[in-house]
Amino acid sequence: MIIGIEVMFLLIGVTYGGNFLLYRFFKRKQEIQGMEKLAILFGINMLILLLDSALIVLAVLIEKGAVS
C-alpha cells in the first residue's frame, strides 16, 4: 500500500475540518457577500489541497525509507 490508512484519515480530517471552520466563519460574518466569499472559499481550499499534497509526498518518502 502506497499510503497508509492513518494518513488518509488525517488528510480527510484536515480537508473537512478546514472546510467546517470556514463554514463557521462565514456564518458569523454576514457582511461578506458574493465574489469575495467565493474567492476566500477557493483560496482556502487550494491551501488545504497543497497541504494534503505535501503530506502525501512526505508519507510516500517515509514509506520508501528516503526520510528517517
C-alpha atoms as a PDB file:
ATOM      1  CA  MET A   1       0.000   0.000   0.000  1.00  0.00           C
ATOM      2  CA  ILE A   2       1.450   3.327  -1.030  1.00  0.00           C
ATOM      3  CA  ILE A   3      -0.203   5.449   1.647  1.00  0.00           C
ATOM      4  CA  GLY A   4      -1.351   4.098   4.985  1.00  0.00           C
ATOM      5  CA  ILE A   5      -4.928   4.342   6.157  1.00  0.00           C
ATOM      6  CA  GLU A   6      -3.829   6.620   9.015  1.00  0.00           C
ATOM      7  CA  VAL A   7      -2.518   9.202   6.561  1.00  0.00           C
ATOM      8  CA  MET A   8      -5.722   9.033   4.540  1.00  0.00           C
ATOM      9  CA  PHE A   9      -7.808   9.672   7.677  1.00  0.00           C
ATOM     10  CA  LEU A  10      -5.511  12.574   8.575  1.00  0.00           C
ATOM     11  CA  LEU A  11      -5.988  14.115   5.126  1.00  0.00           C
ATOM     12  CA  ILE A  12      -9.764  13.670   5.299  1.00  0.00           C
ATOM     13  CA  GLY A  13      -9.781  15.293   8.738  1.00  0.00           C
ATOM     14  CA  VAL A  14      -7.673  18.232   7.581  1.00  0.00           C
ATOM     15  CA  THR A  15      -9.776  18.791   4.469  1.00  0.00           C
ATOM     16  CA  TYR A  16     -13.206  18.558   6.055  1.00  0.00           C
ATOM     17  CA  GLY A  17     -12.050  20.246   9.249  1.00  0.00           C
ATOM     18  CA  GLY A  18     -10.761  23.230   7.297  1.00  0.00           C
ATOM     19  CA  ASN A  19     -13.973  23.495   5.315  1.00  0.00           C
ATOM     20  CA  PHE A  20     -16.052  23.219   8.504  1.00  0.00           C
ATOM     21  CA  LEU A  21     -14.085  26.038  10.143  1.00  0.00           C
ATOM     22  CA  LEU A  22     -14.540  28.139   7.010  1.00  0.00           C
ATOM     23  CA  TYR A  23     -18.291  27.425   7.074  1.00  0.00           C
ATOM     24  CA  ARG A  24     -18.473  28.532  10.723  1.00  0.00           C
ATOM     25  CA  PHE A  25     -16.536  31.712   9.852  1.00  0.00           C
ATOM     26  CA  PHE A  26     -18.977  32.545   7.052  1.00  0.00           C
ATOM     27  CA  LYS A  27     -21.969  32.005   9.341  1.00  0.00           C
ATOM     28  CA  ARG A  28     -20.629  34.653  11.735  1.00  0.00           C
ATOM     29  CA  LYS A  29     -19.562  37.189   9.096  1.00  0.00           C
ATOM     30  CA  GLN A  30     -22.754  38.211   7.318  1.00  0.00           C
ATOM     31  CA  GLU A  31     -21.204  41.217   5.546  1.00  0.00           C
ATOM     32  CA  ILE A  32     -19.032  39.057   3.253  1.00  0.00           C
ATOM     33  CA  GLN A  33     -21.006  38.555   0.039  1.00  0.00           C
ATOM     34  CA  GLY A  34     -20.685  37.165  -3.483  1.00  0.00           C
ATOM     35  CA  MET A  35     -17.317  37.074  -5.180  1.00  0.00           C
ATOM     36  CA  GLU A  36     -15.354  37.852  -2.014  1.00  0.00           C
ATOM     37  CA  LYS A  37     -16.845  34.808  -0.272  1.00  0.00           C
ATOM     38  CA  LEU A  38     -16.127  32.670  -3.346  1.00  0.00           C
ATOM     39  CA  ALA A  39     -12.523  33.919  -3.520  1.00  0.00           C
ATOM     40  CA  ILE A  40     -11.941  33.099   0.150  1.00  0.00           C
ATOM     41  CA  LEU A  41     -13.510  29.664  -0.298  1.00  0.00           C
ATOM     42  CA  PHE A  42     -11.338  28.790  -3.312  1.00  0.00           C
ATOM     43  CA  GLY A  43      -8.205  30.208  -1.694  1.00  0.00           C
ATOM     44  CA  ILE A  44      -8.637  28.177   1.490  1.00  0.00           C
ATOM     45  CA  ASN A  45      -9.419  25.017  -0.464  1.00  0.00           C
ATOM     46  CA  MET A  46      -6.308  25.460  -2.620  1.00  0.00           C
ATOM     47  CA  LEU A  47      -4.224  25.872   0.541  1.00  0.00           C
ATOM     48  CA  ILE A  48      -5.763  22.719   2.018  1.00  0.00           C
ATOM     49  CA  LEU A  49      -5.045  20.778  -1.194  1.00  0.00           C
ATOM     50  CA  LEU A  50      -1.434  21.996  -1.127  1.00  0.00           C
ATOM     51  CA  LEU A  51      -1.077  20.814   2.473  1.00  0.00           C
ATOM     52  CA  ASP A  52      -2.674  17.458   1.605  1.00  0.00           C
ATOM     53  CA  SER A  53      -0.271  17.010  -1.316  1.00  0.00           C
ATOM     54  CA  ALA A  54       2.733  17.799   0.861  1.00  0.00           C
ATOM     55  CA  LEU A  55       1.573  15.268   3.458  1.00  0.00           C
ATOM     56  CA  ILE A  56       1.118  12.604   0.781  1.00  0.00           C
ATOM     57  CA  VAL A  57       4.616  13.203  -0.605  1.00  0.00           C
ATOM     58  CA  LEU A  58       6.088  13.084   2.899  1.00  0.00           C
ATOM     59  CA  ALA A  59       4.220   9.851   3.668  1.00  0.00           C
ATOM     60  CA  VAL A  60       5.493   8.222   0.465  1.00  0.00           C
ATOM     61  CA  LEU A  61       9.068   9.309   1.201  1.00  0.00           C
ATOM     62  CA  ILE A  62       8.865   7.927   4.740  1.00  0.00           C
ATOM     63  CA  GLU A  63       7.399   4.666   3.480  1.00  0.00           C
ATOM     64  CA  LYS A  64      10.149   4.282   0.876  1.00  0.00           C
ATOM     65  CA  GLY A  65      12.793   4.982   3.516  1.00  0.00           C
ATOM     66  CA  ALA A  66      14.105   8.196   1.964  1.00  0.00           C
ATOM     67  CA  VAL A  67      13.349  10.185   5.126  1.00  0.00           C
ATOM     68  CA  SER A  68      14.208   8.738   8.502  1.00  0.00           C
END
